[in-house]
Amino acid sequence: MQICSVDIKYFKEVKVLRGHSGRVYCARFSPDCRTIVSCSADETILLWDVKTGRQLRKLKQNSIITTKVQFSPNARTIVASSFDNIIRLFDVESGQEMKQFKGHSDDVITAQFSPDGCMIVSCSDDETIRLWDVVSGNEIKRLEGHSDWITDVQFSPDGRSIVSSSRDRTIRIWDVMSGQEIQILKGHSNAVTRAQFSSDGHAIVSCSDDNTIRLWNVKSGQEFNKMEVITGNIAEAQFSPDGHTIVSCSADAIIRIWDVVSGREIQKLGGHANAIESVQFSKDGDTIVSSSWDETVRIWG
């Protein structure tokens, strides 16, 4: 990951997407950044056109609260995790459910595609991480080691590793091939809410209910920077594609942009009227999407 100082882009609110009637738990860009998928406490999954802000489609499901959504790398399908312990695969074009992945014994908090789209990794309040074959729907591996609810899980950019975060205050790195735990990263003093790789896979950003964002060197496992938010637990933090900045969101309804090298807060984005649950950079780093308890999805550019 490059850590040199560069010119910083400043963001402003571009669009407010209204259509959900409950807290919006997650909003994610499609790989080409033309579409957004969002899920809500209103038990709907919606697709939106980024350019116009128009609602495109509602995915078909029956009275299920979805916790997280993500497009497949080819943008043809969406994976959704839910509070009924099941992971679902949806067809983007038709909006129909294609497949279910069953095995978790408690709420599924996150499900993510591997970079090649062949596998899905999921985490649950049952304290397990599971790997699934997309085509067959079969469970491939079960990773165990966390001692409390697992809050997030993600593949590395090369698909060889997985990073997970947990209420047990640890971040863990796992080898996909063997299913073995490689490293445990310790430093947070409260539940870790997210942990995500940088785009080159050399660093991890984590955030926690201890109101800090921490940066970690993947090879050494050492923390190399820390940022603090005084107000509001941090729900998500994510590297920009170039690795120079971090975007975070928190319960105080503020999005913050941070400089990776200095740890300095560069910008605050206000507009949401309640806690922000998710935030994500577009693939080119020029746009941000956020979702909130105020029942809106917002686009920033």
Protein backbone atom coordinates (compact mmCIF):
# COMPACT_ATOMS: atom_id res chain seq x y z
CA MET A 1 0.00 0.00 0.00
CA GLN A 2 1.38 3.41 -0.97
CA ILE A 3 1.56 5.84 1.93
CA CYS A 4 2.77 9.04 0.29
CA SER A 5 0.88 12.32 0.66
CA VAL A 6 -1.29 13.21 -2.35
CA ASP A 7 -3.95 15.66 -3.37
CA ILE A 8 -7.20 14.86 -1.58
CA LYS A 9 -10.63 14.85 -3.19
CA TYR A 10 -13.38 16.64 -1.26
CA PHE A 11 -16.90 15.21 -1.37
CA LYS A 12 -20.38 16.67 -1.22
CA GLU A 13 -23.86 15.15 -1.23
CA VAL A 14 -25.06 14.42 -4.76
CA LYS A 15 -28.27 12.41 -4.33
CA VAL A 16 -30.64 11.16 -1.63
CA LEU A 17 -32.34 7.84 -2.48
CA ARG A 18 -35.70 7.41 -0.77
CA GLY A 19 -37.77 4.25 -0.94
CA HIS A 20 -37.06 2.25 2.19
CA SER A 21 -39.42 2.52 5.16
CA GLY A 22 -36.98 1.28 7.81
CA ARG A 23 -33.35 1.52 8.84
CA VAL A 24 -31.06 0.88 5.86
CA TYR A 25 -28.42 -1.57 7.02
CA CYS A 26 -26.23 -1.72 3.94
CA ALA A 27 -25.72 -0.10 0.53
CA ARG A 28 -23.13 -1.30 -1.99
CA PHE A 29 -22.02 -0.35 -5.49
CA SER A 30 -22.03 -2.80 -8.39
CA PRO A 31 -18.53 -3.45 -9.83
CA ASP A 32 -19.16 -0.97 -12.68
CA CYS A 33 -20.57 1.58 -10.18
CA ARG A 34 -23.74 2.05 -12.24
CA THR A 35 -26.04 0.39 -9.72
CA ILE A 36 -26.48 0.34 -5.94
CA VAL A 37 -28.08 -2.47 -3.92
CA SER A 38 -29.48 -1.71 -0.47
CA CYS A 39 -31.20 -3.70 2.29
CA SER A 40 -33.33 -2.51 5.16
CA ALA A 41 -35.26 -3.35 8.30
CA ASP A 42 -38.36 -2.95 6.11
CA GLU A 43 -37.51 -6.46 4.77
CA THR A 44 -36.75 -5.25 1.23
CA ILE A 45 -33.71 -5.33 -1.03
CA LEU A 46 -33.75 -2.50 -3.59
CA LEU A 47 -31.70 -1.75 -6.70
CA TRP A 48 -30.97 1.86 -7.69
CA ASP A 49 -29.57 3.63 -10.73
CA VAL A 50 -26.54 5.67 -9.61
CA LYS A 51 -26.78 8.28 -12.36
CA THR A 52 -30.48 9.12 -11.96
CA GLY A 53 -31.12 7.96 -8.39
CA ARG A 54 -34.16 6.07 -9.67
CA GLN A 55 -35.30 2.84 -8.01
CA LEU A 56 -34.86 0.04 -10.55
CA ARG A 57 -36.13 -3.11 -8.89
CA LYS A 58 -37.17 -4.84 -5.70
CA LEU A 59 -35.76 -8.31 -5.13
CA LYS A 60 -38.30 -10.99 -4.26
CA GLN A 61 -38.28 -12.32 -0.70
CA ASN A 62 -40.74 -13.11 2.07
CA SER A 63 -40.72 -11.20 5.37
CA ILE A 64 -36.98 -11.57 5.99
CA ILE A 65 -34.68 -8.88 7.37
CA THR A 66 -31.46 -8.79 5.35
CA THR A 67 -28.30 -7.69 7.15
CA LYS A 68 -25.82 -7.24 4.28
CA VAL A 69 -25.83 -7.36 0.48
CA GLN A 70 -23.09 -7.53 -2.15
CA PHE A 71 -22.88 -7.86 -5.93
CA SER A 72 -20.96 -10.75 -7.46
CA PRO A 73 -17.80 -9.74 -9.39
CA ASN A 74 -19.70 -10.14 -12.70
CA ALA A 75 -22.66 -8.12 -11.30
CA ARG A 76 -25.16 -10.79 -12.33
CA THR A 77 -26.07 -11.94 -8.83
CA ILE A 78 -26.39 -10.54 -5.31
CA VAL A 79 -25.61 -12.38 -2.09
CA ALA A 80 -27.68 -11.48 0.97
CA SER A 81 -27.20 -12.49 4.61
CA SER A 82 -30.15 -12.46 6.97
CA PHE A 83 -31.55 -12.84 10.47
CA ASP A 84 -33.14 -16.22 9.64
CA ASN A 85 -29.69 -17.93 9.54
CA ILE A 86 -29.82 -18.32 5.73
CA ILE A 87 -27.71 -16.84 2.92
CA ARG A 88 -29.54 -16.19 -0.33
CA LEU A 89 -28.42 -15.67 -3.90
CA PHE A 90 -30.53 -13.42 -6.14
CA ASP A 91 -30.56 -12.90 -9.90
CA VAL A 92 -30.09 -9.19 -10.62
CA GLU A 93 -32.01 -9.15 -13.90
CA SER A 94 -35.14 -10.94 -12.72
CA GLY A 95 -34.96 -10.13 -9.02
CA GLN A 96 -35.74 -13.78 -8.24
CA GLU A 97 -34.10 -15.87 -5.54
CA MET A 98 -31.81 -18.48 -7.11
CA LYS A 99 -30.31 -20.42 -4.20
CA GLN A 100 -30.09 -20.76 -0.43
CA PHE A 101 -27.02 -21.62 1.65
CA LYS A 102 -27.98 -23.25 4.96
CA GLY A 103 -25.82 -24.30 7.89
CA HIS A 104 -25.43 -21.41 10.32
CA SER A 105 -27.32 -21.84 13.60
CA ASP A 106 -27.79 -18.13 14.35
CA ASP A 107 -28.15 -14.78 12.54
CA VAL A 108 -25.88 -14.40 9.51
CA ILE A 109 -24.26 -10.98 9.76
CA THR A 110 -22.23 -10.79 6.55
CA ALA A 111 -21.79 -12.78 3.33
CA GLN A 112 -19.19 -11.81 0.72
CA PHE A 113 -18.07 -13.18 -2.65
CA SER A 114 -14.50 -14.23 -3.30
CA PRO A 115 -12.71 -12.09 -5.93
CA ASP A 116 -13.28 -14.78 -8.59
CA GLY A 117 -16.94 -15.21 -7.62
CA CYS A 118 -16.58 -18.96 -7.03
CA MET A 119 -16.95 -18.89 -3.24
CA ILE A 120 -18.90 -17.05 -0.57
CA VAL A 121 -17.62 -16.42 2.94
CA SER A 122 -20.09 -15.78 5.74
CA CYS A 123 -20.01 -15.01 9.45
CA SER A 124 -22.62 -15.41 12.12
CA ASP A 125 -23.63 -14.91 15.71
CA ASP A 126 -22.98 -18.67 16.02
CA GLU A 127 -19.27 -17.66 16.23
CA THR A 128 -18.32 -19.48 13.02
CA ILE A 129 -17.06 -18.42 9.60
CA ARG A 130 -18.12 -20.62 6.71
CA LEU A 131 -16.96 -20.99 3.13
CA TRP A 132 -19.48 -22.00 0.48
CA ASP A 133 -19.26 -23.19 -3.11
CA VAL A 134 -21.42 -20.84 -5.20
CA VAL A 135 -22.38 -23.41 -7.85
CA SER A 136 -23.31 -26.34 -5.61
CA GLY A 137 -24.38 -24.36 -2.54
CA ASN A 138 -22.37 -26.76 -0.36
CA GLU A 139 -20.35 -25.74 2.68
CA ILE A 140 -16.63 -26.13 1.92
CA LYS A 141 -15.00 -25.20 5.25
CA ARG A 142 -15.86 -24.02 8.72
CA LEU A 143 -13.43 -21.67 10.49
CA GLU A 144 -13.59 -21.52 14.27
CA GLY A 145 -11.60 -19.52 16.81
CA HIS A 146 -13.56 -16.42 17.78
CA SER A 147 -15.14 -16.51 21.24
CA ASP A 148 -18.05 -14.12 20.58
CA TRP A 149 -20.30 -12.95 17.74
CA ILE A 150 -18.44 -12.32 14.49
CA THR A 151 -19.30 -8.90 13.06
CA ASP A 152 -17.62 -8.90 9.65
CA VAL A 153 -15.64 -11.06 7.25
CA GLN A 154 -13.92 -10.35 3.93
CA PHE A 155 -11.62 -11.98 1.38
CA SER A 156 -8.23 -10.49 0.60
CA PRO A 157 -7.90 -9.05 -2.93
CA ASP A 158 -6.03 -12.17 -4.11
CA GLY A 159 -8.62 -14.49 -2.52
CA ARG A 160 -6.04 -16.39 -0.51
CA SER A 161 -6.85 -14.96 2.92
CA ILE A 162 -9.86 -13.91 4.97
CA VAL A 163 -10.04 -11.22 7.65
CA SER A 164 -12.69 -11.35 10.37
CA SER A 165 -13.70 -9.10 13.24
CA SER A 166 -15.60 -9.92 16.41
CA ARG A 167 -17.16 -8.76 19.63
CA ASP A 168 -14.31 -10.67 21.30
CA ARG A 169 -12.19 -7.56 20.47
CA THR A 170 -9.91 -9.38 18.02
CA ILE A 171 -9.25 -9.33 14.30
CA ARG A 172 -8.20 -12.64 12.78
CA ILE A 173 -6.56 -13.52 9.47
CA TRP A 174 -7.24 -16.96 8.00
CA ASP A 175 -5.74 -19.03 5.20
CA VAL A 176 -8.48 -19.95 2.70
CA MET A 177 -6.85 -23.13 1.42
CA SER A 178 -6.18 -24.74 4.81
CA GLY A 179 -8.82 -22.96 6.87
CA GLN A 180 -6.15 -22.28 9.50
CA GLU A 181 -5.84 -19.11 11.55
CA ILE A 182 -2.72 -17.18 10.50
CA GLN A 183 -2.72 -14.19 12.85
CA ILE A 184 -4.65 -12.57 15.69
CA LEU A 185 -4.54 -8.77 15.79
CA LYS A 186 -5.16 -7.32 19.26
CA GLY A 187 -5.45 -3.72 20.39
CA HIS A 188 -9.09 -2.69 20.40
CA SER A 189 -10.66 -2.36 23.86
CA ASN A 190 -14.23 -3.07 22.76
CA ALA A 191 -16.13 -5.00 20.07
CA VAL A 192 -14.56 -4.73 16.60
CA THR A 193 -17.31 -3.82 14.16
CA ARG A 194 -15.45 -4.11 10.83
CA ALA A 195 -12.08 -5.16 9.42
CA GLN A 196 -11.23 -4.79 5.74
CA PHE A 197 -8.17 -5.21 3.52
CA SER A 198 -6.62 -2.43 1.48
CA SER A 199 -6.85 -2.93 -2.30
CA ASP A 200 -3.26 -4.25 -2.43
CA GLY A 201 -3.84 -6.59 0.52
CA HIS A 202 -0.90 -5.21 2.50
CA ALA A 203 -2.90 -3.41 5.19
CA ILE A 204 -6.10 -3.83 7.19
CA VAL A 205 -8.35 -1.08 8.55
CA SER A 206 -10.52 -1.90 11.56
CA CYS A 207 -13.07 0.05 13.58
CA SER A 208 -14.57 -0.57 16.96
CA ASP A 209 -17.05 0.39 19.64
CA ASP A 210 -13.99 1.77 21.45
CA ASN A 211 -14.40 4.75 19.05
CA THR A 212 -11.11 4.11 17.25
CA ILE A 213 -10.05 3.23 13.72
CA ARG A 214 -6.82 1.29 13.56
CA LEU A 215 -4.47 0.43 10.71
CA TRP A 216 -2.52 -2.83 10.67
CA ASN A 217 0.37 -4.21 8.66
CA VAL A 218 -0.78 -7.60 7.36
CA LYS A 219 2.70 -9.15 7.19
CA SER A 220 3.83 -8.16 10.69
CA GLY A 221 0.45 -7.93 12.38
CA GLN A 222 1.52 -4.63 13.93
CA GLU A 223 -0.71 -1.58 14.35
CA PHE A 224 0.79 1.42 12.52
CA ASN A 225 -1.78 4.17 12.99
CA LYS A 226 -4.88 5.03 15.03
CA MET A 227 -7.69 7.58 14.59
CA GLU A 228 -10.31 8.45 17.18
CA VAL A 229 -13.93 9.58 16.90
CA ILE A 230 -15.10 11.27 20.09
CA THR A 231 -18.84 10.99 19.40
CA GLY A 232 -20.64 7.91 18.15
CA ASN A 233 -19.57 4.29 17.78
CA ILE A 234 -17.95 3.61 14.41
CA ALA A 235 -19.99 1.27 12.21
CA GLU A 236 -17.64 0.95 9.21
CA ALA A 237 -14.26 2.09 7.92
CA GLN A 238 -12.83 1.41 4.47
CA PHE A 239 -9.73 2.28 2.44
CA SER A 240 -10.04 4.29 -0.74
CA PRO A 241 -8.99 2.26 -3.81
CA ASP A 242 -5.60 4.03 -3.94
CA GLY A 243 -5.01 3.42 -0.22
CA HIS A 244 -4.34 7.08 0.58
CA THR A 245 -7.52 7.81 2.52
CA ILE A 246 -10.11 6.08 4.69
CA VAL A 247 -13.84 6.73 4.87
CA SER A 248 -15.73 5.98 8.07
CA CYS A 249 -19.29 6.31 9.36
CA SER A 250 -20.68 6.32 12.85
CA ALA A 251 -23.68 6.62 15.13
CA ASP A 252 -23.33 10.41 15.26
CA ALA A 253 -24.63 10.56 11.64
CA ILE A 254 -21.30 11.85 10.29
CA ILE A 255 -19.10 10.46 7.50
CA ARG A 256 -15.42 11.22 7.95
CA ILE A 257 -12.51 11.12 5.51
CA TRP A 258 -9.07 10.44 6.98
CA ASP A 259 -5.49 10.70 5.71
CA VAL A 260 -3.76 7.33 6.08
CA VAL A 261 -0.24 8.70 6.66
CA SER A 262 -0.96 11.39 9.24
CA GLY A 263 -4.19 9.97 10.68
CA ARG A 264 -5.63 13.46 10.29
CA GLU A 265 -9.36 13.98 9.71
CA ILE A 266 -9.66 15.67 6.30
CA GLN A 267 -13.39 16.15 5.93
CA LYS A 268 -16.74 15.66 7.66
CA LEU A 269 -19.86 14.95 5.61
CA GLY A 270 -23.18 15.79 7.26
CA GLY A 271 -26.63 15.18 5.85
CA HIS A 272 -27.96 11.99 7.37
CA ALA A 273 -30.42 12.49 10.21
CA ASN A 274 -29.59 9.34 12.19
CA ALA A 275 -26.88 6.73 12.73
CA ILE A 276 -25.03 5.69 9.56
CA GLU A 277 -24.74 1.94 9.18
CA SER A 278 -22.55 1.49 6.07
CA VAL A 279 -20.24 3.46 3.79
CA GLN A 280 -18.33 2.44 0.66
CA PHE A 281 -16.04 4.00 -1.95
CA SER A 282 -16.76 3.35 -5.61
CA LYS A 283 -14.11 1.37 -7.49
CA ASP A 284 -12.59 4.55 -8.93
CA GLY A 285 -12.67 6.35 -5.58
CA ASP A 286 -14.67 9.28 -6.97
CA THR A 287 -17.99 8.45 -5.27
CA ILE A 288 -19.18 7.28 -1.86
CA VAL A 289 -22.46 5.55 -0.97
CA SER A 290 -23.86 5.52 2.56
CA SER A 291 -26.89 4.04 4.31
CA SER A 292 -28.56 5.13 7.51
CA TRP A 293 -31.20 4.57 10.15
CA ASP A 294 -32.87 7.68 8.68
CA GLU A 295 -34.22 5.31 5.97
CA THR A 296 -32.13 6.85 3.16
CA VAL A 297 -29.24 5.90 0.91
CA ARG A 298 -27.02 8.84 -0.06
CA ILE A 299 -24.50 9.32 -2.85
CA TRP A 300 -21.52 11.63 -2.39
CA GLY A 301 -19.21 12.82 -5.15
